[in-house]
Amino acid sequence: MSSGGGILGNENFPVVGVNLYEANAYCKWLSEKTGVPYRLPTEAEWEKAARGTDQRRYPWGNYIGRRYANYISGDPFENKLSVIGGLTPVGYYNGNSYEYRNASGSFTTYNNASPYGAYDMAGNVWEWVSDRWDPNYYARSPIDNPTGPAPGDSINVSRGPRYGDYIASIRGGFWVDNQGIMNMNSLRSAARGMIFSGPRNRSFHVGFRCVREIK
């Protein structure tokens, strides 16, 4: 695992370089350590946490700009960012002013919290969710609390050393997503992503967040 590009002192950055099995293992370890059940969210849970109930486009509303999220926007002040491997700290876009090591002056970020108070659910890093990938799942899924495709219904890796693994789902977009290239579709709260090389893939742009079950 690495956070902040693997550099000590940057533990407040998203963890990256973790595959889906390792993310699940961390949730299991945290559950055993605290006595409280933690796990990865389903796609449906992730999306509900990101957009609430009003069908907003992004966690904070319907407009996107560089002060709301970490992505390649082309905004003039973007070169002021002082980031590790392109990442920004967890909860960075919270409405406060920040000084940068790479430039004089400061600017104020906008608050990107979702209706439920979750930060960084657009941009920075993609996030693992527990669902297997099936592009047609939601056309036939239950309306209430869908938990993802069954093992036999998901799409599998078709070639390479991970042939036969299922294609895994991710959510949220990441810092390299570009307004001109991607048209910001990956940063929408409803946007679905996948890892074609399967759940054993480790990447510099995929992390995770845990959810805690409340009985």
N, C-alpha and C. Protein backbone atom coordinates (compact mmCIF):
# COMPACT_ATOMS: atom_id res chain seq x y z
N MET A 1 0.84 -1.19 0.00
CA MET A 1 0.00 0.00 0.00
C MET A 1 0.89 1.25 0.00
N SER A 2 0.38 2.29 -0.57
CA SER A 2 1.10 3.55 -0.48
C SER A 2 0.08 4.68 -0.43
N SER A 3 0.43 5.71 0.32
CA SER A 3 -0.40 6.90 0.35
C SER A 3 0.49 8.09 0.09
N GLY A 4 -0.06 9.11 -0.54
CA GLY A 4 0.75 10.28 -0.84
C GLY A 4 1.94 9.93 -1.70
N GLY A 5 1.78 9.00 -2.66
CA GLY A 5 2.88 8.62 -3.51
C GLY A 5 3.91 7.78 -2.79
N GLY A 6 3.55 7.21 -1.64
CA GLY A 6 4.48 6.38 -0.90
C GLY A 6 5.47 7.17 -0.07
N ILE A 7 5.25 8.47 0.13
CA ILE A 7 6.18 9.33 0.84
C ILE A 7 5.71 9.50 2.28
N LEU A 8 6.61 9.22 3.23
CA LEU A 8 6.26 9.37 4.64
C LEU A 8 5.90 10.82 4.93
N GLY A 9 4.97 11.00 5.83
CA GLY A 9 4.52 12.34 6.17
C GLY A 9 3.31 12.77 5.39
N ASN A 10 2.85 11.93 4.48
CA ASN A 10 1.67 12.25 3.68
C ASN A 10 0.55 11.25 3.92
N GLU A 11 0.42 10.83 5.18
CA GLU A 11 -0.58 9.83 5.52
C GLU A 11 -2.00 10.35 5.37
N ASN A 12 -2.16 11.66 5.23
CA ASN A 12 -3.50 12.22 5.05
C ASN A 12 -3.92 12.25 3.58
N PHE A 13 -3.13 11.63 2.71
CA PHE A 13 -3.50 11.50 1.30
C PHE A 13 -4.21 10.16 1.10
N PRO A 14 -4.98 10.04 0.01
CA PRO A 14 -5.66 8.76 -0.24
C PRO A 14 -4.66 7.62 -0.41
N VAL A 15 -5.01 6.46 0.10
CA VAL A 15 -4.19 5.28 -0.16
C VAL A 15 -4.42 4.84 -1.60
N VAL A 16 -3.35 4.46 -2.28
CA VAL A 16 -3.44 3.96 -3.65
C VAL A 16 -2.54 2.73 -3.76
N GLY A 17 -2.55 2.08 -4.92
CA GLY A 17 -1.73 0.88 -5.10
C GLY A 17 -2.26 -0.30 -4.32
N VAL A 18 -3.54 -0.34 -4.08
CA VAL A 18 -4.18 -1.40 -3.30
C VAL A 18 -5.20 -2.10 -4.19
N ASN A 19 -5.12 -3.43 -4.27
CA ASN A 19 -6.13 -4.12 -5.08
C ASN A 19 -7.40 -4.36 -4.27
N LEU A 20 -8.40 -4.90 -4.92
CA LEU A 20 -9.70 -5.06 -4.26
C LEU A 20 -9.62 -6.02 -3.09
N TYR A 21 -8.86 -7.09 -3.23
CA TYR A 21 -8.74 -8.05 -2.13
C TYR A 21 -8.06 -7.42 -0.92
N GLU A 22 -7.05 -6.59 -1.17
CA GLU A 22 -6.36 -5.92 -0.07
C GLU A 22 -7.26 -4.89 0.60
N ALA A 23 -8.07 -4.21 -0.19
CA ALA A 23 -9.03 -3.26 0.40
C ALA A 23 -10.03 -3.99 1.29
N ASN A 24 -10.51 -5.14 0.83
CA ASN A 24 -11.42 -5.94 1.65
C ASN A 24 -10.73 -6.45 2.91
N ALA A 25 -9.46 -6.83 2.77
CA ALA A 25 -8.70 -7.32 3.92
C ALA A 25 -8.54 -6.22 4.97
N TYR A 26 -8.33 -5.00 4.52
CA TYR A 26 -8.22 -3.89 5.47
C TYR A 26 -9.54 -3.69 6.22
N CYS A 27 -10.65 -3.75 5.49
CA CYS A 27 -11.95 -3.61 6.14
C CYS A 27 -12.16 -4.69 7.19
N LYS A 28 -11.74 -5.91 6.87
CA LYS A 28 -11.87 -7.02 7.82
C LYS A 28 -11.00 -6.77 9.04
N TRP A 29 -9.77 -6.33 8.81
CA TRP A 29 -8.86 -6.03 9.93
C TRP A 29 -9.44 -4.94 10.82
N LEU A 30 -9.97 -3.87 10.20
CA LEU A 30 -10.53 -2.77 10.97
C LEU A 30 -11.75 -3.22 11.77
N SER A 31 -12.55 -4.09 11.20
CA SER A 31 -13.71 -4.62 11.91
C SER A 31 -13.29 -5.40 13.14
N GLU A 32 -12.26 -6.25 12.98
CA GLU A 32 -11.78 -7.06 14.10
C GLU A 32 -11.13 -6.19 15.17
N LYS A 33 -10.44 -5.15 14.75
CA LYS A 33 -9.74 -4.27 15.69
C LYS A 33 -10.71 -3.44 16.52
N THR A 34 -11.79 -2.98 15.88
CA THR A 34 -12.71 -2.06 16.55
C THR A 34 -13.96 -2.74 17.09
N GLY A 35 -14.25 -3.94 16.61
CA GLY A 35 -15.48 -4.60 17.00
C GLY A 35 -16.71 -4.04 16.31
N VAL A 36 -16.50 -3.22 15.30
CA VAL A 36 -17.59 -2.60 14.53
C VAL A 36 -17.46 -3.08 13.08
N PRO A 37 -18.56 -3.49 12.44
CA PRO A 37 -18.45 -4.02 11.07
C PRO A 37 -18.16 -2.94 10.03
N TYR A 38 -17.03 -3.09 9.34
CA TYR A 38 -16.67 -2.23 8.22
C TYR A 38 -16.57 -3.07 6.96
N ARG A 39 -16.81 -2.45 5.82
CA ARG A 39 -16.69 -3.13 4.53
C ARG A 39 -16.63 -2.07 3.44
N LEU A 40 -16.44 -2.53 2.20
CA LEU A 40 -16.54 -1.61 1.06
C LEU A 40 -18.00 -1.36 0.73
N PRO A 41 -18.32 -0.19 0.22
CA PRO A 41 -19.71 0.07 -0.17
C PRO A 41 -20.08 -0.65 -1.46
N THR A 42 -21.35 -0.92 -1.63
CA THR A 42 -21.84 -1.34 -2.94
C THR A 42 -21.87 -0.12 -3.85
N GLU A 43 -22.04 -0.35 -5.14
CA GLU A 43 -22.19 0.78 -6.06
C GLU A 43 -23.38 1.65 -5.67
N ALA A 44 -24.48 1.01 -5.33
CA ALA A 44 -25.69 1.77 -4.99
C ALA A 44 -25.48 2.61 -3.73
N GLU A 45 -24.82 2.04 -2.73
CA GLU A 45 -24.53 2.79 -1.51
C GLU A 45 -23.61 3.96 -1.80
N TRP A 46 -22.58 3.70 -2.61
CA TRP A 46 -21.64 4.77 -2.96
C TRP A 46 -22.36 5.92 -3.64
N GLU A 47 -23.21 5.60 -4.61
CA GLU A 47 -23.90 6.66 -5.34
C GLU A 47 -24.87 7.42 -4.45
N LYS A 48 -25.56 6.73 -3.57
CA LYS A 48 -26.48 7.42 -2.65
C LYS A 48 -25.70 8.37 -1.74
N ALA A 49 -24.54 7.92 -1.25
CA ALA A 49 -23.73 8.78 -0.40
C ALA A 49 -23.20 9.98 -1.17
N ALA A 50 -22.98 9.82 -2.48
CA ALA A 50 -22.41 10.90 -3.29
C ALA A 50 -23.44 11.94 -3.70
N ARG A 51 -24.65 11.53 -4.01
CA ARG A 51 -25.58 12.49 -4.61
C ARG A 51 -26.87 12.70 -3.83
N GLY A 52 -27.08 11.94 -2.75
CA GLY A 52 -28.30 12.13 -1.99
C GLY A 52 -29.53 11.67 -2.75
N THR A 53 -30.60 12.42 -2.63
CA THR A 53 -31.87 12.01 -3.23
C THR A 53 -32.38 12.96 -4.31
N ASP A 54 -31.63 14.02 -4.62
CA ASP A 54 -32.16 15.03 -5.54
C ASP A 54 -31.60 14.92 -6.96
N GLN A 55 -30.90 13.81 -7.26
CA GLN A 55 -30.41 13.55 -8.62
C GLN A 55 -29.40 14.60 -9.09
N ARG A 56 -28.66 15.21 -8.18
CA ARG A 56 -27.66 16.19 -8.58
C ARG A 56 -26.57 15.54 -9.41
N ARG A 57 -25.89 16.33 -10.22
CA ARG A 57 -24.88 15.80 -11.14
C ARG A 57 -23.59 15.45 -10.41
N TYR A 58 -23.20 16.30 -9.48
CA TYR A 58 -21.97 16.09 -8.70
C TYR A 58 -22.34 16.10 -7.22
N PRO A 59 -21.45 15.65 -6.35
CA PRO A 59 -21.81 15.59 -4.93
C PRO A 59 -22.26 16.92 -4.34
N TRP A 60 -21.70 18.02 -4.80
CA TRP A 60 -22.01 19.34 -4.24
C TRP A 60 -23.11 20.07 -5.00
N GLY A 61 -23.47 19.63 -6.19
CA GLY A 61 -24.47 20.32 -7.00
C GLY A 61 -24.32 19.98 -8.47
N ASN A 62 -24.65 20.91 -9.34
CA ASN A 62 -24.66 20.64 -10.78
C ASN A 62 -23.59 21.36 -11.57
N TYR A 63 -22.78 22.18 -10.92
CA TYR A 63 -21.70 22.89 -11.60
C TYR A 63 -20.37 22.33 -11.13
N ILE A 64 -19.41 22.20 -12.07
CA ILE A 64 -18.08 21.73 -11.69
C ILE A 64 -17.04 22.78 -12.05
N GLY A 65 -16.07 22.96 -11.18
CA GLY A 65 -14.94 23.85 -11.40
C GLY A 65 -13.77 23.34 -10.58
N ARG A 66 -12.56 23.80 -10.89
CA ARG A 66 -11.36 23.25 -10.28
C ARG A 66 -11.30 23.45 -8.77
N ARG A 67 -12.03 24.41 -8.25
CA ARG A 67 -12.00 24.61 -6.81
C ARG A 67 -12.92 23.63 -6.07
N TYR A 68 -13.66 22.83 -6.82
CA TYR A 68 -14.54 21.83 -6.21
C TYR A 68 -13.89 20.46 -6.10
N ALA A 69 -12.96 20.13 -7.01
CA ALA A 69 -12.46 18.76 -7.06
C ALA A 69 -11.10 18.72 -7.73
N ASN A 70 -10.37 17.64 -7.51
CA ASN A 70 -9.04 17.46 -8.07
C ASN A 70 -9.13 16.74 -9.41
N TYR A 71 -9.03 17.50 -10.48
CA TYR A 71 -9.02 16.95 -11.83
C TYR A 71 -8.35 17.98 -12.74
N ILE A 72 -8.02 17.61 -13.96
CA ILE A 72 -7.38 18.54 -14.90
C ILE A 72 -8.45 19.41 -15.52
N SER A 73 -8.51 20.65 -15.09
CA SER A 73 -9.61 21.51 -15.51
C SER A 73 -9.21 22.57 -16.51
N GLY A 74 -7.93 22.95 -16.50
CA GLY A 74 -7.50 24.04 -17.35
C GLY A 74 -7.72 25.41 -16.73
N ASP A 75 -8.19 25.48 -15.48
CA ASP A 75 -8.37 26.76 -14.82
C ASP A 75 -7.01 27.45 -14.63
N PRO A 76 -6.95 28.78 -14.70
CA PRO A 76 -5.67 29.49 -14.65
C PRO A 76 -4.86 29.24 -13.39
N PHE A 77 -5.49 29.05 -12.25
CA PHE A 77 -4.75 28.89 -11.00
C PHE A 77 -4.32 27.46 -10.75
N GLU A 78 -4.57 26.57 -11.69
CA GLU A 78 -4.29 25.16 -11.45
C GLU A 78 -2.81 24.90 -11.20
N ASN A 79 -1.92 25.68 -11.82
CA ASN A 79 -0.50 25.44 -11.65
C ASN A 79 -0.01 25.80 -10.25
N LYS A 80 -0.89 26.34 -9.40
CA LYS A 80 -0.50 26.62 -8.02
C LYS A 80 -0.55 25.38 -7.14
N LEU A 81 -1.13 24.31 -7.65
CA LEU A 81 -1.28 23.12 -6.83
C LEU A 81 0.06 22.55 -6.44
N SER A 82 0.20 22.18 -5.18
CA SER A 82 1.37 21.45 -4.71
C SER A 82 0.88 20.10 -4.23
N VAL A 83 1.01 19.12 -5.09
CA VAL A 83 0.43 17.82 -4.80
C VAL A 83 1.48 16.74 -4.90
N ILE A 84 1.20 15.59 -4.32
CA ILE A 84 2.09 14.44 -4.36
C ILE A 84 1.52 13.46 -5.36
N GLY A 85 2.21 13.28 -6.48
CA GLY A 85 1.72 12.36 -7.49
C GLY A 85 0.38 12.74 -8.05
N GLY A 86 0.04 14.04 -8.01
CA GLY A 86 -1.23 14.49 -8.52
C GLY A 86 -2.35 14.49 -7.50
N LEU A 87 -2.13 13.89 -6.34
CA LEU A 87 -3.18 13.77 -5.33
C LEU A 87 -3.28 15.02 -4.47
N THR A 88 -4.43 15.22 -3.89
CA THR A 88 -4.62 16.23 -2.85
C THR A 88 -5.05 15.52 -1.57
N PRO A 89 -4.81 16.14 -0.41
CA PRO A 89 -5.15 15.47 0.86
C PRO A 89 -6.64 15.19 0.98
N VAL A 90 -6.96 14.23 1.81
CA VAL A 90 -8.35 13.89 2.07
C VAL A 90 -9.06 15.10 2.69
N GLY A 91 -10.24 15.41 2.18
CA GLY A 91 -11.00 16.54 2.70
C GLY A 91 -10.44 17.90 2.34
N TYR A 92 -9.61 17.95 1.31
CA TYR A 92 -8.92 19.18 0.91
C TYR A 92 -9.88 20.26 0.41
N TYR A 93 -10.91 19.84 -0.31
CA TYR A 93 -11.87 20.79 -0.88
C TYR A 93 -13.02 20.99 0.10
N ASN A 94 -12.77 21.86 1.08
CA ASN A 94 -13.73 22.02 2.17
C ASN A 94 -14.09 23.47 2.45
N GLY A 95 -13.73 24.37 1.53
CA GLY A 95 -14.09 25.77 1.72
C GLY A 95 -13.05 26.60 2.44
N ASN A 96 -11.86 26.04 2.68
CA ASN A 96 -10.81 26.77 3.38
C ASN A 96 -9.74 27.26 2.41
N SER A 97 -8.89 28.17 2.88
CA SER A 97 -7.81 28.72 2.08
C SER A 97 -6.52 27.96 2.35
N TYR A 98 -5.72 27.73 1.31
CA TYR A 98 -4.49 26.96 1.44
C TYR A 98 -3.32 27.71 0.82
N GLU A 99 -2.17 27.62 1.48
CA GLU A 99 -0.92 28.12 0.92
C GLU A 99 -0.24 26.96 0.19
N TYR A 100 0.47 27.28 -0.89
CA TYR A 100 1.13 26.25 -1.68
C TYR A 100 2.64 26.43 -1.66
N ARG A 101 3.34 25.32 -1.61
CA ARG A 101 4.80 25.35 -1.60
C ARG A 101 5.35 25.76 -2.96
N ASN A 102 4.61 25.53 -4.02
CA ASN A 102 5.12 25.79 -5.37
C ASN A 102 4.76 27.17 -5.91
N ALA A 103 4.03 27.95 -5.16
CA ALA A 103 3.64 29.26 -5.66
C ALA A 103 3.32 30.17 -4.49
N SER A 104 3.48 31.44 -4.68
CA SER A 104 3.12 32.39 -3.64
C SER A 104 1.61 32.61 -3.66
N GLY A 105 1.10 33.06 -2.54
CA GLY A 105 -0.32 33.32 -2.47
C GLY A 105 -1.12 32.10 -2.09
N SER A 106 -2.42 32.26 -2.12
CA SER A 106 -3.31 31.18 -1.73
C SER A 106 -4.61 31.33 -2.49
N PHE A 107 -5.43 30.31 -2.41
CA PHE A 107 -6.78 30.43 -2.94
C PHE A 107 -7.70 29.61 -2.05
N THR A 108 -8.97 29.87 -2.18
CA THR A 108 -9.96 29.20 -1.34
C THR A 108 -10.63 28.09 -2.13
N THR A 109 -10.58 26.90 -1.60
CA THR A 109 -11.31 25.79 -2.22
C THR A 109 -12.79 25.92 -1.87
N TYR A 110 -13.64 25.36 -2.71
CA TYR A 110 -15.06 25.27 -2.41
C TYR A 110 -15.34 23.96 -1.70
N ASN A 111 -16.42 23.94 -0.96
CA ASN A 111 -16.78 22.75 -0.20
C ASN A 111 -17.41 21.71 -1.13
N ASN A 112 -16.76 20.53 -1.25
CA ASN A 112 -17.29 19.51 -2.17
C ASN A 112 -18.00 18.38 -1.44
N ALA A 113 -18.41 18.62 -0.20
CA ALA A 113 -19.10 17.57 0.55
C ALA A 113 -20.43 17.21 -0.11
N SER A 114 -20.76 15.94 -0.04
CA SER A 114 -22.05 15.46 -0.55
C SER A 114 -23.16 15.81 0.44
N PRO A 115 -24.42 15.56 0.09
CA PRO A 115 -25.51 15.84 1.03
C PRO A 115 -25.35 15.12 2.36
N TYR A 116 -24.58 14.03 2.38
CA TYR A 116 -24.37 13.28 3.61
C TYR A 116 -23.03 13.61 4.28
N GLY A 117 -22.35 14.63 3.77
CA GLY A 117 -21.11 15.07 4.39
C GLY A 117 -19.88 14.29 3.98
N ALA A 118 -19.94 13.53 2.91
CA ALA A 118 -18.78 12.76 2.43
C ALA A 118 -17.98 13.62 1.45
N TYR A 119 -16.67 13.69 1.67
CA TYR A 119 -15.79 14.50 0.84
C TYR A 119 -15.10 13.66 -0.24
N ASP A 120 -14.64 14.34 -1.29
CA ASP A 120 -13.77 13.74 -2.32
C ASP A 120 -14.44 12.59 -3.08
N MET A 121 -15.72 12.69 -3.31
CA MET A 121 -16.41 11.64 -4.05
C MET A 121 -16.44 11.93 -5.54
N ALA A 122 -15.69 12.94 -5.96
CA ALA A 122 -15.47 13.21 -7.38
C ALA A 122 -14.02 13.64 -7.53
N GLY A 123 -13.28 12.99 -8.40
CA GLY A 123 -11.89 13.33 -8.61
C GLY A 123 -10.97 12.76 -7.55
N ASN A 124 -9.72 13.15 -7.60
CA ASN A 124 -8.63 12.69 -6.73
C ASN A 124 -8.27 11.24 -7.06
N VAL A 125 -9.00 10.25 -6.56
CA VAL A 125 -8.75 8.86 -6.96
C VAL A 125 -10.08 8.14 -7.16
N TRP A 126 -10.08 7.20 -8.12
CA TRP A 126 -11.19 6.26 -8.21
C TRP A 126 -11.26 5.46 -6.92
N GLU A 127 -12.41 4.89 -6.63
CA GLU A 127 -12.58 4.11 -5.40
C GLU A 127 -13.19 2.75 -5.72
N TRP A 128 -12.59 1.72 -5.13
CA TRP A 128 -13.17 0.38 -5.25
C TRP A 128 -14.55 0.34 -4.60
N VAL A 129 -15.47 -0.38 -5.21
CA VAL A 129 -16.73 -0.75 -4.57
C VAL A 129 -16.83 -2.27 -4.64
N SER A 130 -17.78 -2.82 -3.96
CA SER A 130 -17.83 -4.28 -3.82
C SER A 130 -18.43 -4.99 -5.03
N ASP A 131 -19.12 -4.27 -5.90
CA ASP A 131 -19.84 -4.90 -7.01
C ASP A 131 -18.91 -5.43 -8.10
N ARG A 132 -19.28 -6.55 -8.67
CA ARG A 132 -18.72 -6.97 -9.94
C ARG A 132 -19.30 -6.09 -11.04
N TRP A 133 -18.60 -6.03 -12.18
CA TRP A 133 -19.04 -5.15 -13.27
C TRP A 133 -20.02 -5.86 -14.19
N ASP A 134 -21.14 -5.22 -14.42
CA ASP A 134 -22.10 -5.65 -15.42
C ASP A 134 -22.79 -4.39 -15.93
N PRO A 135 -22.56 -4.00 -17.19
CA PRO A 135 -23.12 -2.73 -17.67
C PRO A 135 -24.64 -2.70 -17.71
N ASN A 136 -25.27 -3.86 -17.68
CA ASN A 136 -26.73 -3.92 -17.78
C ASN A 136 -27.41 -4.28 -16.46
N TYR A 137 -26.65 -4.32 -15.39
CA TYR A 137 -27.20 -4.80 -14.12
C TYR A 137 -28.39 -3.98 -13.64
N TYR A 138 -28.29 -2.65 -13.73
CA TYR A 138 -29.34 -1.82 -13.14
C TYR A 138 -30.62 -1.79 -13.95
N ALA A 139 -30.60 -2.37 -15.13
CA ALA A 139 -31.85 -2.52 -15.89
C ALA A 139 -32.71 -3.63 -15.33
N ARG A 140 -32.12 -4.52 -14.54
CA ARG A 140 -32.88 -5.65 -13.99
C ARG A 140 -32.74 -5.80 -12.48
N SER A 141 -32.00 -4.91 -11.84
CA SER A 141 -31.72 -5.05 -10.42
C SER A 141 -32.94 -4.67 -9.58
N PRO A 142 -32.95 -5.08 -8.32
CA PRO A 142 -34.00 -4.60 -7.41
C PRO A 142 -33.95 -3.08 -7.29
N ILE A 143 -35.08 -2.46 -7.05
CA ILE A 143 -35.11 -1.01 -6.90
C ILE A 143 -34.49 -0.60 -5.57
N ASP A 144 -34.76 -1.35 -4.53
CA ASP A 144 -34.26 -1.01 -3.20
C ASP A 144 -32.97 -1.74 -2.90
N ASN A 145 -31.92 -0.97 -2.63
CA ASN A 145 -30.65 -1.48 -2.15
C ASN A 145 -30.08 -2.63 -2.99
N PRO A 146 -29.87 -2.43 -4.27
CA PRO A 146 -29.25 -3.49 -5.09
C PRO A 146 -27.82 -3.74 -4.63
N THR A 147 -27.43 -4.99 -4.58
CA THR A 147 -26.12 -5.36 -4.03
C THR A 147 -25.12 -5.81 -5.08
N GLY A 148 -25.47 -5.70 -6.35
CA GLY A 148 -24.53 -6.03 -7.41
C GLY A 148 -24.81 -7.37 -8.05
N PRO A 149 -24.21 -7.61 -9.22
CA PRO A 149 -24.45 -8.85 -9.95
C PRO A 149 -23.95 -10.08 -9.20
N ALA A 150 -24.64 -11.19 -9.39
CA ALA A 150 -24.16 -12.46 -8.87
C ALA A 150 -22.92 -12.89 -9.65
N PRO A 151 -22.07 -13.75 -9.06
CA PRO A 151 -20.83 -14.15 -9.74
C PRO A 151 -21.04 -14.65 -11.17
N GLY A 152 -22.10 -15.37 -11.43
CA GLY A 152 -22.31 -15.89 -12.77
C GLY A 152 -22.82 -14.88 -13.77
N ASP A 153 -23.19 -13.69 -13.29
CA ASP A 153 -23.77 -12.68 -14.17
C ASP A 153 -22.81 -11.57 -14.55
N SER A 154 -21.63 -11.54 -13.95
CA SER A 154 -20.70 -10.45 -14.21
C SER A 154 -19.88 -10.72 -15.47
N ILE A 155 -19.16 -9.70 -15.92
CA ILE A 155 -18.32 -9.78 -17.11
C ILE A 155 -16.90 -10.12 -16.68
N ASN A 156 -16.26 -11.07 -17.36
CA ASN A 156 -14.93 -11.52 -16.96
C ASN A 156 -13.84 -10.97 -17.87
N VAL A 157 -12.61 -10.97 -17.34
CA VAL A 157 -11.44 -10.58 -18.12
C VAL A 157 -11.26 -11.57 -19.27
N SER A 158 -11.10 -11.07 -20.47
CA SER A 158 -11.14 -11.95 -21.65
C SER A 158 -9.77 -12.39 -22.13
N ARG A 159 -8.69 -11.75 -21.66
CA ARG A 159 -7.37 -12.16 -22.12
C ARG A 159 -6.31 -11.71 -21.11
N GLY A 160 -5.08 -12.21 -21.29
CA GLY A 160 -3.98 -11.80 -20.45
C GLY A 160 -3.81 -12.68 -19.23
N PRO A 161 -2.85 -12.33 -18.35
CA PRO A 161 -2.55 -13.17 -17.19
C PRO A 161 -3.68 -13.29 -16.19
N ARG A 162 -4.65 -12.38 -16.25
CA ARG A 162 -5.78 -12.43 -15.32
C ARG A 162 -7.05 -12.91 -16.01
N TYR A 163 -6.89 -13.66 -17.07
CA TYR A 163 -8.02 -14.22 -17.80
C TYR A 163 -8.94 -14.98 -16.84
N GLY A 164 -10.23 -14.72 -16.94
CA GLY A 164 -11.21 -15.41 -16.11
C GLY A 164 -11.60 -14.66 -14.86
N ASP A 165 -10.75 -13.73 -14.38
CA ASP A 165 -11.16 -12.88 -13.27
C ASP A 165 -12.37 -12.05 -13.70
N TYR A 166 -13.20 -11.69 -12.73
CA TYR A 166 -14.30 -10.79 -13.07
C TYR A 166 -13.78 -9.36 -13.19
N ILE A 167 -14.44 -8.57 -14.02
CA ILE A 167 -14.12 -7.15 -14.12
C ILE A 167 -14.74 -6.43 -12.93
N ALA A 168 -13.93 -5.64 -12.24
CA ALA A 168 -14.35 -5.02 -10.99
C ALA A 168 -14.82 -3.59 -11.22
N SER A 169 -15.71 -3.13 -10.36
CA SER A 169 -16.30 -1.79 -10.47
C SER A 169 -15.54 -0.78 -9.62
N ILE A 170 -15.46 0.44 -10.12
CA ILE A 170 -14.89 1.56 -9.38
C ILE A 170 -15.80 2.78 -9.58
N ARG A 171 -15.64 3.75 -8.70
CA ARG A 171 -16.48 4.96 -8.76
C ARG A 171 -15.66 6.22 -8.47
N GLY A 172 -16.10 7.36 -9.02
CA GLY A 172 -15.64 8.66 -8.58
C GLY A 172 -14.72 9.44 -9.49
N GLY A 173 -14.03 8.80 -10.45
CA GLY A 173 -13.08 9.52 -11.28
C GLY A 173 -11.79 9.82 -10.54
N PHE A 174 -10.79 10.38 -11.26
CA PHE A 174 -9.52 10.67 -10.59
C PHE A 174 -8.86 11.91 -11.17
N TRP A 175 -7.69 12.25 -10.62
CA TRP A 175 -7.10 13.56 -10.85
C TRP A 175 -6.63 13.81 -12.28
N VAL A 176 -6.45 12.77 -13.09
CA VAL A 176 -6.02 12.95 -14.47
C VAL A 176 -7.21 13.17 -15.41
N ASP A 177 -8.42 12.92 -14.95
CA ASP A 177 -9.58 13.14 -15.80
C ASP A 177 -9.60 14.60 -16.27
N ASN A 178 -9.83 14.76 -17.55
CA ASN A 178 -9.66 16.05 -18.20
C ASN A 178 -10.97 16.53 -18.80
N GLN A 179 -11.26 17.79 -18.63
CA GLN A 179 -12.53 18.34 -19.11
C GLN A 179 -12.67 18.20 -20.62
N GLY A 180 -11.56 18.38 -21.35
CA GLY A 180 -11.63 18.28 -22.79
C GLY A 180 -11.68 16.85 -23.29
N ILE A 181 -10.95 15.94 -22.60
CA ILE A 181 -10.87 14.56 -23.06
C ILE A 181 -12.07 13.75 -22.58
N MET A 182 -12.36 13.84 -21.32
CA MET A 182 -13.37 12.98 -20.72
C MET A 182 -14.75 13.64 -20.67
N ASN A 183 -14.81 14.96 -20.92
CA ASN A 183 -16.07 15.69 -20.83
C ASN A 183 -16.68 15.58 -19.44
N MET A 184 -15.84 15.29 -18.46
CA MET A 184 -16.18 15.23 -17.06
C MET A 184 -17.21 14.15 -16.73
N ASN A 185 -17.48 13.26 -17.65
CA ASN A 185 -18.47 12.22 -17.36
C ASN A 185 -18.06 11.34 -16.20
N SER A 186 -16.77 11.07 -16.06
CA SER A 186 -16.33 10.17 -15.00
C SER A 186 -16.47 10.78 -13.62
N LEU A 187 -16.61 12.09 -13.53
CA LEU A 187 -16.76 12.74 -12.23
C LEU A 187 -18.21 12.87 -11.79
N ARG A 188 -19.14 12.54 -12.66
CA ARG A 188 -20.55 12.59 -12.26
C ARG A 188 -20.82 11.53 -11.20
N SER A 189 -21.71 11.82 -10.29
CA SER A 189 -22.01 10.87 -9.22
C SER A 189 -22.63 9.59 -9.75
N ALA A 190 -23.29 9.66 -10.90
CA ALA A 190 -23.92 8.47 -11.47
C ALA A 190 -22.99 7.69 -12.39
N ALA A 191 -21.79 8.21 -12.66
CA ALA A 191 -20.89 7.56 -13.60
C ALA A 191 -20.31 6.28 -13.02
N ARG A 192 -20.24 5.25 -13.85
CA ARG A 192 -19.72 3.96 -13.42
C ARG A 192 -18.41 3.68 -14.14
N GLY A 193 -17.44 3.18 -13.39
CA GLY A 193 -16.15 2.82 -13.97
C GLY A 193 -15.86 1.36 -13.72
N MET A 194 -14.85 0.83 -14.42
CA MET A 194 -14.47 -0.56 -14.23
C MET A 194 -12.97 -0.73 -14.40
N ILE A 195 -12.45 -1.80 -13.80
CA ILE A 195 -11.05 -2.20 -13.97
C ILE A 195 -11.04 -3.44 -14.84
N PHE A 196 -10.65 -3.28 -16.11
CA PHE A 196 -10.71 -4.38 -17.05
C PHE A 196 -9.78 -5.53 -16.67
N SER A 197 -8.69 -5.23 -15.95
CA SER A 197 -7.74 -6.28 -15.59
C SER A 197 -8.12 -7.01 -14.31
N GLY A 198 -9.26 -6.70 -13.73
CA GLY A 198 -9.78 -7.48 -12.62
C GLY A 198 -9.43 -6.96 -11.25
N PRO A 199 -9.92 -7.64 -10.21
CA PRO A 199 -9.79 -7.15 -8.84
C PRO A 199 -8.39 -7.24 -8.27
N ARG A 200 -7.47 -7.96 -8.94
CA ARG A 200 -6.10 -8.04 -8.44
C ARG A 200 -5.22 -6.90 -8.93
N ASN A 201 -5.79 -6.03 -9.73
CA ASN A 201 -5.04 -4.90 -10.28
C ASN A 201 -4.71 -3.88 -9.19
N ARG A 202 -3.48 -3.40 -9.19
CA ARG A 202 -3.08 -2.28 -8.33
C ARG A 202 -2.76 -1.09 -9.22
N SER A 203 -3.18 0.08 -8.81
CA SER A 203 -3.00 1.26 -9.65
C SER A 203 -2.73 2.49 -8.80
N PHE A 204 -1.99 3.43 -9.40
CA PHE A 204 -1.70 4.69 -8.73
C PHE A 204 -2.93 5.59 -8.64
N HIS A 205 -4.00 5.25 -9.34
CA HIS A 205 -5.17 6.14 -9.35
C HIS A 205 -6.42 5.50 -8.76
N VAL A 206 -6.28 4.36 -8.08
CA VAL A 206 -7.44 3.70 -7.46
C VAL A 206 -7.18 3.51 -5.97
N GLY A 207 -8.09 3.97 -5.15
CA GLY A 207 -8.04 3.77 -3.71
C GLY A 207 -9.36 3.21 -3.22
N PHE A 208 -9.71 3.49 -1.98
CA PHE A 208 -10.98 2.98 -1.45
C PHE A 208 -11.37 3.76 -0.22
N ARG A 209 -12.63 3.65 0.16
CA ARG A 209 -13.11 4.14 1.44
C ARG A 209 -13.97 3.05 2.06
N CYS A 210 -13.98 3.00 3.37
CA CYS A 210 -14.76 2.00 4.09
C CYS A 210 -16.13 2.58 4.46
N VAL A 211 -17.09 1.70 4.61
CA VAL A 211 -18.36 2.08 5.20
C VAL A 211 -18.56 1.28 6.48
N ARG A 212 -19.22 1.88 7.42
CA ARG A 212 -19.52 1.21 8.68
C ARG A 212 -21.01 0.91 8.73
N GLU A 213 -21.33 -0.31 9.01
CA GLU A 213 -22.73 -0.70 9.11
C GLU A 213 -23.31 -0.23 10.43
N ILE A 214 -24.48 0.35 10.36
CA ILE A 214 -25.18 0.81 11.56
C ILE A 214 -26.46 0.00 11.69
N LYS A 215 -26.53 -0.77 12.72
CA LYS A 215 -27.70 -1.64 12.93
C LYS A 215 -28.82 -0.87 13.62
